[in-house]
Amino acid sequence: MFYVHTAHLVLKPEFIDRFKARIRRHAQTCLDAEAGCSVFRTFQDRDDPTRFMMYEVYADKEADTIHRNTPRFKQLREEIDDWVTNRDWWFWEEFSEA
């Protein structure tokens, strides 16, 4: 079973390009450095370019907790905090396999 985290962010328009570059680096670093992180994808809304969703798949809840406590995650949050106007986090636990 997997543990999924989705983050839904709305950005200030002037930070979109900087955010895209920064989140790409962050995602790749997480995939390279965290054994428990198997997917880290970022999506931009087709109709509203200020809206983003990060889709992250972890081995379990503990792997996500480890991710959230890394210095790289804390640095990212600090760096982009002023860029973000709204933030929602959703956590998903798999209950069936197909």
C-alpha atoms as a PDB file:
ATOM      1  CA  MET A   1       0.000   0.000   0.000  1.00  0.00           C
ATOM      2  CA  PHE A   2       1.118   3.547  -0.697  1.00  0.00           C
ATOM      3  CA  TYR A   3       0.699   6.862   1.070  1.00  0.00           C
ATOM      4  CA  VAL A   4      -0.074   9.821  -1.183  1.00  0.00           C
ATOM      5  CA  HIS A   5       0.240  13.495  -0.449  1.00  0.00           C
ATOM      6  CA  THR A   6      -1.202  16.188  -2.687  1.00  0.00           C
ATOM      7  CA  ALA A   7      -0.338  19.822  -2.142  1.00  0.00           C
ATOM      8  CA  HIS A   8      -2.495  22.448  -3.810  1.00  0.00           C
ATOM      9  CA  LEU A   9      -0.888  25.883  -4.108  1.00  0.00           C
ATOM     10  CA  VAL A  10      -1.942  29.213  -5.544  1.00  0.00           C
ATOM     11  CA  LEU A  11       0.962  31.497  -6.368  1.00  0.00           C
ATOM     12  CA  LYS A  12       1.408  35.187  -6.931  1.00  0.00           C
ATOM     13  CA  PRO A  13       1.732  35.525 -10.736  1.00  0.00           C
ATOM     14  CA  GLU A  14       5.149  37.149 -10.589  1.00  0.00           C
ATOM     15  CA  PHE A  15       6.633  34.038  -8.932  1.00  0.00           C
ATOM     16  CA  ILE A  16       5.345  31.350 -11.313  1.00  0.00           C
ATOM     17  CA  ASP A  17       8.572  30.866 -13.285  1.00  0.00           C
ATOM     18  CA  ARG A  18      10.763  30.916 -10.182  1.00  0.00           C
ATOM     19  CA  PHE A  19       8.465  28.418  -8.478  1.00  0.00           C
ATOM     20  CA  LYS A  20       8.510  26.043 -11.439  1.00  0.00           C
ATOM     21  CA  ALA A  21      12.303  26.007 -11.522  1.00  0.00           C
ATOM     22  CA  ARG A  22      12.559  25.641  -7.752  1.00  0.00           C
ATOM     23  CA  ILE A  23      10.003  22.845  -7.415  1.00  0.00           C
ATOM     24  CA  ARG A  24      11.638  20.874 -10.251  1.00  0.00           C
ATOM     25  CA  ARG A  25      14.934  20.922  -8.356  1.00  0.00           C
ATOM     26  CA  HIS A  26      13.214  20.000  -5.108  1.00  0.00           C
ATOM     27  CA  ALA A  27      11.310  17.100  -6.664  1.00  0.00           C
ATOM     28  CA  GLN A  28      14.413  15.632  -8.261  1.00  0.00           C
ATOM     29  CA  THR A  29      16.396  15.956  -5.039  1.00  0.00           C
ATOM     30  CA  CYS A  30      13.640  14.189  -3.098  1.00  0.00           C
ATOM     31  CA  LEU A  31      13.506  11.345  -5.595  1.00  0.00           C
ATOM     32  CA  ASP A  32      17.298  10.983  -5.533  1.00  0.00           C
ATOM     33  CA  ALA A  33      17.774  11.278  -1.762  1.00  0.00           C
ATOM     34  CA  GLU A  34      14.665   9.721  -0.197  1.00  0.00           C
ATOM     35  CA  ALA A  35      14.206   5.986  -0.599  1.00  0.00           C
ATOM     36  CA  GLY A  36      10.607   6.287   0.612  1.00  0.00           C
ATOM     37  CA  CYS A  37       9.621   8.800  -2.092  1.00  0.00           C
ATOM     38  CA  SER A  38       8.776   7.032  -5.349  1.00  0.00           C
ATOM     39  CA  VAL A  39       6.825   9.736  -7.232  1.00  0.00           C
ATOM     40  CA  PHE A  40       6.996  13.515  -7.101  1.00  0.00           C
ATOM     41  CA  ARG A  41       5.048  15.173  -9.913  1.00  0.00           C
ATOM     42  CA  THR A  42       3.923  18.777 -10.264  1.00  0.00           C
ATOM     43  CA  PHE A  43       0.962  19.944 -12.308  1.00  0.00           C
ATOM     44  CA  GLN A  44      -0.136  23.424 -13.389  1.00  0.00           C
ATOM     45  CA  ASP A  45      -3.818  24.244 -13.926  1.00  0.00           C
ATOM     46  CA  ARG A  46      -4.672  24.685 -17.615  1.00  0.00           C
ATOM     47  CA  ASP A  47      -7.070  27.556 -16.988  1.00  0.00           C
ATOM     48  CA  ASP A  48      -5.361  29.314 -14.102  1.00  0.00           C
ATOM     49  CA  PRO A  49      -1.553  29.346 -14.358  1.00  0.00           C
ATOM     50  CA  THR A  50      -1.223  30.423 -10.719  1.00  0.00           C
ATOM     51  CA  ARG A  51      -2.633  27.092  -9.478  1.00  0.00           C
ATOM     52  CA  PHE A  52      -0.353  24.096  -8.921  1.00  0.00           C
ATOM     53  CA  MET A  53      -0.716  20.609  -7.528  1.00  0.00           C
ATOM     54  CA  MET A  54       2.112  18.437  -6.303  1.00  0.00           C
ATOM     55  CA  TYR A  55       1.413  14.697  -6.353  1.00  0.00           C
ATOM     56  CA  GLU A  56       3.799  12.748  -4.143  1.00  0.00           C
ATOM     57  CA  VAL A  57       3.823   9.009  -3.467  1.00  0.00           C
ATOM     58  CA  TYR A  58       5.568   7.607  -0.414  1.00  0.00           C
ATOM     59  CA  ALA A  59       6.109   4.067   0.799  1.00  0.00           C
ATOM     60  CA  ASP A  60       4.120   4.866   3.936  1.00  0.00           C
ATOM     61  CA  LYS A  61       3.141   7.676   6.291  1.00  0.00           C
ATOM     62  CA  GLU A  62       6.512   7.497   8.031  1.00  0.00           C
ATOM     63  CA  ALA A  63       8.341   8.166   4.749  1.00  0.00           C
ATOM     64  CA  ASP A  64       6.205  11.282   4.247  1.00  0.00           C
ATOM     65  CA  THR A  65       6.913  12.395   7.809  1.00  0.00           C
ATOM     66  CA  ILE A  66      10.634  11.920   7.209  1.00  0.00           C
ATOM     67  CA  HIS A  67      10.329  14.011   4.032  1.00  0.00           C
ATOM     68  CA  ARG A  68       8.578  16.845   5.889  1.00  0.00           C
ATOM     69  CA  ASN A  69      11.329  16.945   8.499  1.00  0.00           C
ATOM     70  CA  THR A  70      14.255  17.178   6.077  1.00  0.00           C
ATOM     71  CA  PRO A  71      16.232  20.419   5.959  1.00  0.00           C
ATOM     72  CA  ARG A  72      15.536  20.610   2.195  1.00  0.00           C
ATOM     73  CA  PHE A  73      11.752  20.619   2.757  1.00  0.00           C
ATOM     74  CA  LYS A  74      11.992  23.249   5.485  1.00  0.00           C
ATOM     75  CA  GLN A  75      14.226  25.389   3.257  1.00  0.00           C
ATOM     76  CA  LEU A  76      11.774  25.094   0.354  1.00  0.00           C
ATOM     77  CA  ARG A  77       8.842  26.127   2.557  1.00  0.00           C
ATOM     78  CA  GLU A  78      10.757  29.122   3.844  1.00  0.00           C
ATOM     79  CA  GLU A  79      11.893  30.124   0.355  1.00  0.00           C
ATOM     80  CA  ILE A  80       8.478  29.978  -1.310  1.00  0.00           C
ATOM     81  CA  ASP A  81       6.319  31.121   1.605  1.00  0.00           C
ATOM     82  CA  ASP A  82       5.978  34.677   0.251  1.00  0.00           C
ATOM     83  CA  TRP A  83       5.199  33.364  -3.244  1.00  0.00           C
ATOM     84  CA  VAL A  84       2.126  31.426  -2.127  1.00  0.00           C
ATOM     85  CA  THR A  85      -1.302  33.000  -1.546  1.00  0.00           C
ATOM     86  CA  ASN A  86      -3.159  29.787  -0.675  1.00  0.00           C
ATOM     87  CA  ARG A  87      -2.056  26.296   0.363  1.00  0.00           C
ATOM     88  CA  ASP A  88      -4.036  23.107   0.976  1.00  0.00           C
ATOM     89  CA  TRP A  89      -2.553  19.719   1.803  1.00  0.00           C
ATOM     90  CA  TRP A  90      -4.398  16.466   1.429  1.00  0.00           C
ATOM     91  CA  PHE A  91      -3.169  13.062   2.586  1.00  0.00           C
ATOM     92  CA  TRP A  92      -4.403   9.840   1.040  1.00  0.00           C
ATOM     93  CA  GLU A  93      -4.085   6.255   2.186  1.00  0.00           C
ATOM     94  CA  GLU A  94      -4.561   3.507  -0.353  1.00  0.00           C
ATOM     95  CA  PHE A  95      -7.291   1.028   0.536  1.00  0.00           C
ATOM     96  CA  SER A  96      -7.399  -1.216  -2.515  1.00  0.00           C
ATOM     97  CA  GLU A  97      -5.106  -2.472  -5.224  1.00  0.00           C
ATOM     98  CA  ALA A  98      -6.198  -3.120  -8.791  1.00  0.00           C
END
